[in-house]
Amino acid sequence: MSAEEMRSFCQSISPYQLRVQVRLKDQHEILFGRILSVELDRFRIMTDEKEIKDLRYAWVARIKNA
């Protein structure tokens, strides 16, 4: 999925506060949470552990509904 496709996906689901699964490229870490906001080059997620993280699309390997 390209950065543009990820941004469109994030924008389409963020108003509904759907739970997503995000797999990062370099850390092979998987995060679960809800997208709070979407910007041009990054998005903000609140994880299930109630941590808020800003993630750049370039860091993300995959994002999907959880």
PDB file of N, CA and C in Angstrom:
ATOM      1  N   MET A   1       0.852  -1.165   0.000  1.00  0.00           N
ATOM      2  CA  MET A   1       0.000   0.000   0.000  1.00  0.00           C
ATOM      3  C   MET A   1       0.908   1.242   0.000  1.00  0.00           C
ATOM      4  N   SER A   2       0.624   2.164  -0.882  1.00  0.00           N
ATOM      5  CA  SER A   2       1.417   3.391  -0.962  1.00  0.00           C
ATOM      6  C   SER A   2       1.010   4.367   0.148  1.00  0.00           C
ATOM      7  N   ALA A   3       1.804   5.406   0.335  1.00  0.00           N
ATOM      8  CA  ALA A   3       1.503   6.416   1.353  1.00  0.00           C
ATOM      9  C   ALA A   3       0.167   7.100   1.058  1.00  0.00           C
ATOM     10  N   GLU A   4      -0.099   7.361  -0.207  1.00  0.00           N
ATOM     11  CA  GLU A   4      -1.370   7.990  -0.598  1.00  0.00           C
ATOM     12  C   GLU A   4      -2.554   7.082  -0.281  1.00  0.00           C
ATOM     13  N   GLU A   5      -2.403   5.798  -0.558  1.00  0.00           N
ATOM     14  CA  GLU A   5      -3.469   4.844  -0.252  1.00  0.00           C
ATOM     15  C   GLU A   5      -3.689   4.728   1.258  1.00  0.00           C
ATOM     16  N   MET A   6      -2.596   4.731   2.022  1.00  0.00           N
ATOM     17  CA  MET A   6      -2.719   4.676   3.481  1.00  0.00           C
ATOM     18  C   MET A   6      -3.435   5.906   4.018  1.00  0.00           C
ATOM     19  N   ARG A   7      -3.073   7.077   3.493  1.00  0.00           N
ATOM     20  CA  ARG A   7      -3.712   8.310   3.937  1.00  0.00           C
ATOM     21  C   ARG A   7      -5.211   8.287   3.621  1.00  0.00           C
ATOM     22  N   SER A   8      -5.568   7.859   2.433  1.00  0.00           N
ATOM     23  CA  SER A   8      -6.985   7.775   2.057  1.00  0.00           C
ATOM     24  C   SER A   8      -7.730   6.792   2.959  1.00  0.00           C
ATOM     25  N   PHE A   9      -7.111   5.655   3.234  1.00  0.00           N
ATOM     26  CA  PHE A   9      -7.717   4.658   4.107  1.00  0.00           C
ATOM     27  C   PHE A   9      -7.929   5.245   5.504  1.00  0.00           C
ATOM     28  N   CYS A  10      -6.893   5.892   6.050  1.00  0.00           N
ATOM     29  CA  CYS A  10      -6.983   6.489   7.386  1.00  0.00           C
ATOM     30  C   CYS A  10      -8.061   7.566   7.443  1.00  0.00           C
ATOM     31  N   GLN A  11      -8.129   8.393   6.408  1.00  0.00           N
ATOM     32  CA  GLN A  11      -9.153   9.442   6.366  1.00  0.00           C
ATOM     33  C   GLN A  11     -10.556   8.854   6.292  1.00  0.00           C
ATOM     34  N   SER A  12     -10.696   7.753   5.593  1.00  0.00           N
ATOM     35  CA  SER A  12     -12.029   7.176   5.433  1.00  0.00           C
ATOM     36  C   SER A  12     -12.539   6.518   6.711  1.00  0.00           C
ATOM     37  N   ILE A  13     -11.650   5.993   7.554  1.00  0.00           N
ATOM     38  CA  ILE A  13     -12.122   5.295   8.757  1.00  0.00           C
ATOM     39  C   ILE A  13     -12.001   6.111  10.034  1.00  0.00           C
ATOM     40  N   SER A  14     -11.219   7.175  10.031  1.00  0.00           N
ATOM     41  CA  SER A  14     -11.009   7.936  11.272  1.00  0.00           C
ATOM     42  C   SER A  14     -12.295   8.519  11.864  1.00  0.00           C
ATOM     43  N   PRO A  15     -13.267   8.991  11.087  1.00  0.00           N
ATOM     44  CA  PRO A  15     -14.495   9.525  11.713  1.00  0.00           C
ATOM     45  C   PRO A  15     -15.288   8.467  12.483  1.00  0.00           C
ATOM     46  N   TYR A  16     -15.093   7.202  12.145  1.00  0.00           N
ATOM     47  CA  TYR A  16     -15.864   6.123  12.763  1.00  0.00           C
ATOM     48  C   TYR A  16     -15.158   5.492  13.962  1.00  0.00           C
ATOM     49  N   GLN A  17     -13.918   5.915  14.216  1.00  0.00           N
ATOM     50  CA  GLN A  17     -13.141   5.397  15.353  1.00  0.00           C
ATOM     51  C   GLN A  17     -13.037   3.870  15.333  1.00  0.00           C
ATOM     52  N   LEU A  18     -12.865   3.309  14.139  1.00  0.00           N
ATOM     53  CA  LEU A  18     -12.705   1.866  14.012  1.00  0.00           C
ATOM     54  C   LEU A  18     -11.325   1.446  14.500  1.00  0.00           C
ATOM     55  N   ARG A  19     -11.243   0.269  15.042  1.00  0.00           N
ATOM     56  CA  ARG A  19      -9.976  -0.277  15.534  1.00  0.00           C
ATOM     57  C   ARG A  19      -9.151  -0.771  14.340  1.00  0.00           C
ATOM     58  N   VAL A  20      -7.870  -0.436  14.336  1.00  0.00           N
ATOM     59  CA  VAL A  20      -6.976  -0.831  13.254  1.00  0.00           C
ATOM     60  C   VAL A  20      -5.773  -1.586  13.806  1.00  0.00           C
ATOM     61  N   GLN A  21      -5.133  -2.311  12.906  1.00  0.00           N
ATOM     62  CA  GLN A  21      -3.878  -2.989  13.196  1.00  0.00           C
ATOM     63  C   GLN A  21      -2.820  -2.353  12.307  1.00  0.00           C
ATOM     64  N   VAL A  22      -1.725  -1.893  12.909  1.00  0.00           N
ATOM     65  CA  VAL A  22      -0.654  -1.230  12.174  1.00  0.00           C
ATOM     66  C   VAL A  22       0.637  -2.018  12.390  1.00  0.00           C
ATOM     67  N   ARG A  23       1.259  -2.440  11.291  1.00  0.00           N
ATOM     68  CA  ARG A  23       2.546  -3.125  11.388  1.00  0.00           C
ATOM     69  C   ARG A  23       3.621  -2.181  10.876  1.00  0.00           C
ATOM     70  N   LEU A  24       4.632  -1.922  11.709  1.00  0.00           N
ATOM     71  CA  LEU A  24       5.711  -1.021  11.347  1.00  0.00           C
ATOM     72  C   LEU A  24       6.792  -1.757  10.559  1.00  0.00           C
ATOM     73  N   LYS A  25       7.466  -1.042   9.666  1.00  0.00           N
ATOM     74  CA  LYS A  25       8.491  -1.636   8.806  1.00  0.00           C
ATOM     75  C   LYS A  25       9.747  -2.027   9.564  1.00  0.00           C
ATOM     76  N   ASP A  26      10.381  -1.075  10.213  1.00  0.00           N
ATOM     77  CA  ASP A  26      11.710  -1.317  10.766  1.00  0.00           C
ATOM     78  C   ASP A  26      11.704  -2.054  12.100  1.00  0.00           C
ATOM     79  N   GLN A  27      10.654  -1.955  12.862  1.00  0.00           N
ATOM     80  CA  GLN A  27      10.637  -2.597  14.172  1.00  0.00           C
ATOM     81  C   GLN A  27       9.856  -3.905  14.164  1.00  0.00           C
ATOM     82  N   HIS A  28       9.142  -4.180  13.105  1.00  0.00           N
ATOM     83  CA  HIS A  28       8.271  -5.348  13.013  1.00  0.00           C
ATOM     84  C   HIS A  28       7.289  -5.389  14.181  1.00  0.00           C
ATOM     85  N   GLU A  29       6.990  -4.210  14.712  1.00  0.00           N
ATOM     86  CA  GLU A  29       6.051  -4.071  15.824  1.00  0.00           C
ATOM     87  C   GLU A  29       4.641  -3.960  15.264  1.00  0.00           C
ATOM     88  N   ILE A  30       3.694  -4.536  15.968  1.00  0.00           N
ATOM     89  CA  ILE A  30       2.287  -4.435  15.579  1.00  0.00           C
ATOM     90  C   ILE A  30       1.549  -3.665  16.671  1.00  0.00           C
ATOM     91  N   LEU A  31       0.846  -2.617  16.252  1.00  0.00           N
ATOM     92  CA  LEU A  31       0.062  -1.793  17.166  1.00  0.00           C
ATOM     93  C   LEU A  31      -1.417  -1.975  16.859  1.00  0.00           C
ATOM     94  N   PHE A  32      -2.223  -1.953  17.901  1.00  0.00           N
ATOM     95  CA  PHE A  32      -3.674  -1.966  17.746  1.00  0.00           C
ATOM     96  C   PHE A  32      -4.212  -0.691  18.374  1.00  0.00           C
ATOM     97  N   GLY A  33      -5.159  -0.049  17.709  1.00  0.00           N
ATOM     98  CA  GLY A  33      -5.735   1.163  18.271  1.00  0.00           C
ATOM     99  C   GLY A  33      -6.699   1.828  17.319  1.00  0.00           C
ATOM    100  N   ARG A  34      -6.942   3.119  17.584  1.00  0.00           N
ATOM    101  CA  ARG A  34      -7.875   3.902  16.793  1.00  0.00           C
ATOM    102  C   ARG A  34      -7.185   5.157  16.274  1.00  0.00           C
ATOM    103  N   ILE A  35      -7.480   5.517  15.041  1.00  0.00           N
ATOM    104  CA  ILE A  35      -6.861   6.682  14.411  1.00  0.00           C
ATOM    105  C   ILE A  35      -7.569   7.937  14.903  1.00  0.00           C
ATOM    106  N   LEU A  36      -6.781   8.865  15.428  1.00  0.00           N
ATOM    107  CA  LEU A  36      -7.333  10.115  15.959  1.00  0.00           C
ATOM    108  C   LEU A  36      -7.343  11.224  14.924  1.00  0.00           C
ATOM    109  N   SER A  37      -6.249  11.353  14.162  1.00  0.00           N
ATOM    110  CA  SER A  37      -6.167  12.410  13.154  1.00  0.00           C
ATOM    111  C   SER A  37      -5.262  11.969  12.011  1.00  0.00           C
ATOM    112  N   VAL A  38      -5.465  12.601  10.854  1.00  0.00           N
ATOM    113  CA  VAL A  38      -4.729  12.250   9.649  1.00  0.00           C
ATOM    114  C   VAL A  38      -4.145  13.524   9.066  1.00  0.00           C
ATOM    115  N   GLU A  39      -2.843  13.493   8.787  1.00  0.00           N
ATOM    116  CA  GLU A  39      -2.167  14.626   8.161  1.00  0.00           C
ATOM    117  C   GLU A  39      -1.567  14.173   6.836  1.00  0.00           C
ATOM    118  N   LEU A  40      -0.889  15.075   6.159  1.00  0.00           N
ATOM    119  CA  LEU A  40      -0.341  14.782   4.843  1.00  0.00           C
ATOM    120  C   LEU A  40       0.677  13.650   4.877  1.00  0.00           C
ATOM    121  N   ASP A  41       1.587  13.656   5.845  1.00  0.00           N
ATOM    122  CA  ASP A  41       2.661  12.658   5.871  1.00  0.00           C
ATOM    123  C   ASP A  41       2.624  11.724   7.073  1.00  0.00           C
ATOM    124  N   ARG A  42       1.622  11.874   7.938  1.00  0.00           N
ATOM    125  CA  ARG A  42       1.545  11.044   9.152  1.00  0.00           C
ATOM    126  C   ARG A  42       0.117  10.980   9.669  1.00  0.00           C
ATOM    127  N   PHE A  43      -0.080  10.067  10.613  1.00  0.00           N
ATOM    128  CA  PHE A  43      -1.361   9.991  11.299  1.00  0.00           C
ATOM    129  C   PHE A  43      -1.104   9.762  12.780  1.00  0.00           C
ATOM    130  N   ARG A  44      -2.092  10.077  13.580  1.00  0.00           N
ATOM    131  CA  ARG A  44      -2.004   9.921  15.037  1.00  0.00           C
ATOM    132  C   ARG A  44      -2.934   8.791  15.444  1.00  0.00           C
ATOM    133  N   ILE A  45      -2.401   7.896  16.267  1.00  0.00           N
ATOM    134  CA  ILE A  45      -3.160   6.742  16.721  1.00  0.00           C
ATOM    135  C   ILE A  45      -3.145   6.681  18.239  1.00  0.00           C
ATOM    136  N   MET A  46      -4.282   6.286  18.813  1.00  0.00           N
ATOM    137  CA  MET A  46      -4.326   5.987  20.239  1.00  0.00           C
ATOM    138  C   MET A  46      -4.357   4.472  20.342  1.00  0.00           C
ATOM    139  N   THR A  47      -3.310   3.916  20.936  1.00  0.00           N
ATOM    140  CA  THR A  47      -3.210   2.467  21.034  1.00  0.00           C
ATOM    141  C   THR A  47      -4.195   1.939  22.072  1.00  0.00           C
ATOM    142  N   ASP A  48      -4.362   0.631  22.080  1.00  0.00           N
ATOM    143  CA  ASP A  48      -5.236  -0.003  23.066  1.00  0.00           C
ATOM    144  C   ASP A  48      -4.732   0.237  24.483  1.00  0.00           C
ATOM    145  N   GLU A  49      -3.434   0.520  24.621  1.00  0.00           N
ATOM    146  CA  GLU A  49      -2.842   0.814  25.932  1.00  0.00           C
ATOM    147  C   GLU A  49      -2.986   2.286  26.299  1.00  0.00           C
ATOM    148  N   LYS A  50      -3.746   3.049  25.511  1.00  0.00           N
ATOM    149  CA  LYS A  50      -4.028   4.475  25.726  1.00  0.00           C
ATOM    150  C   LYS A  50      -2.798   5.366  25.521  1.00  0.00           C
ATOM    151  N   GLU A  51      -1.840   4.913  24.706  1.00  0.00           N
ATOM    152  CA  GLU A  51      -0.691   5.737  24.321  1.00  0.00           C
ATOM    153  C   GLU A  51      -1.036   6.419  22.998  1.00  0.00           C
ATOM    154  N   ILE A  52      -0.622   7.676  22.861  1.00  0.00           N
ATOM    155  CA  ILE A  52      -0.834   8.396  21.611  1.00  0.00           C
ATOM    156  C   ILE A  52       0.499   8.441  20.871  1.00  0.00           C
ATOM    157  N   LYS A  53       0.472   7.992  19.606  1.00  0.00           N
ATOM    158  CA  LYS A  53       1.691   7.944  18.797  1.00  0.00           C
ATOM    159  C   LYS A  53       1.429   8.611  17.460  1.00  0.00           C
ATOM    160  N   ASP A  54       2.419   9.349  16.988  1.00  0.00           N
ATOM    161  CA  ASP A  54       2.401   9.897  15.638  1.00  0.00           C
ATOM    162  C   ASP A  54       3.230   8.983  14.762  1.00  0.00           C
ATOM    163  N   LEU A  55       2.622   8.464  13.705  1.00  0.00           N
ATOM    164  CA  LEU A  55       3.314   7.536  12.816  1.00  0.00           C
ATOM    165  C   LEU A  55       3.363   8.108  11.405  1.00  0.00           C
ATOM    166  N   ARG A  56       4.541   8.123  10.839  1.00  0.00           N
ATOM    167  CA  ARG A  56       4.713   8.543   9.452  1.00  0.00           C
ATOM    168  C   ARG A  56       4.333   7.367   8.552  1.00  0.00           C
ATOM    169  N   TYR A  57       3.722   7.665   7.417  1.00  0.00           N
ATOM    170  CA  TYR A  57       3.331   6.609   6.483  1.00  0.00           C
ATOM    171  C   TYR A  57       4.552   5.812   6.017  1.00  0.00           C
ATOM    172  N   ALA A  58       5.707   6.459   5.915  1.00  0.00           N
ATOM    173  CA  ALA A  58       6.927   5.779   5.486  1.00  0.00           C
ATOM    174  C   ALA A  58       7.367   4.700   6.461  1.00  0.00           C
ATOM    175  N   TRP A  59       6.945   4.776   7.712  1.00  0.00           N
ATOM    176  CA  TRP A  59       7.316   3.791   8.735  1.00  0.00           C
ATOM    177  C   TRP A  59       6.395   2.581   8.728  1.00  0.00           C
ATOM    178  N   VAL A  60       5.262   2.686   8.066  1.00  0.00           N
ATOM    179  CA  VAL A  60       4.211   1.664   8.168  1.00  0.00           C
ATOM    180  C   VAL A  60       4.313   0.667   7.013  1.00  0.00           C
ATOM    181  N   ALA A  61       4.345  -0.609   7.371  1.00  0.00           N
ATOM    182  CA  ALA A  61       4.362  -1.659   6.369  1.00  0.00           C
ATOM    183  C   ALA A  61       2.946  -2.024   5.934  1.00  0.00           C
ATOM    184  N   ARG A  62       2.020  -2.026   6.922  1.00  0.00           N
ATOM    185  CA  ARG A  62       0.649  -2.427   6.623  1.00  0.00           C
ATOM    186  C   ARG A  62      -0.298  -1.822   7.654  1.00  0.00           C
ATOM    187  N   ILE A  63      -1.476  -1.473   7.191  1.00  0.00           N
ATOM    188  CA  ILE A  63      -2.526  -1.011   8.072  1.00  0.00           C
ATOM    189  C   ILE A  63      -3.840  -1.611   7.600  1.00  0.00           C
ATOM    190  N   LYS A  64      -4.617  -2.140   8.544  1.00  0.00           N
ATOM    191  CA  LYS A  64      -5.884  -2.751   8.173  1.00  0.00           C
ATOM    192  C   LYS A  64      -6.836  -2.709   9.348  1.00  0.00           C
ATOM    193  N   ASN A  65      -8.114  -2.970   9.072  1.00  0.00           N
ATOM    194  CA  ASN A  65      -9.106  -3.067  10.145  1.00  0.00           C
ATOM    195  C   ASN A  65      -8.741  -4.246  11.044  1.00  0.00           C
ATOM    196  N   ALA A  66      -8.938  -4.065  12.337  1.00  0.00           N
ATOM    197  CA  ALA A  66      -8.607  -5.152  13.262  1.00  0.00           C
ATOM    198  C   ALA A  66      -9.846  -5.840  13.769  1.00  0.00           C
TER     199      ALA A  66
END
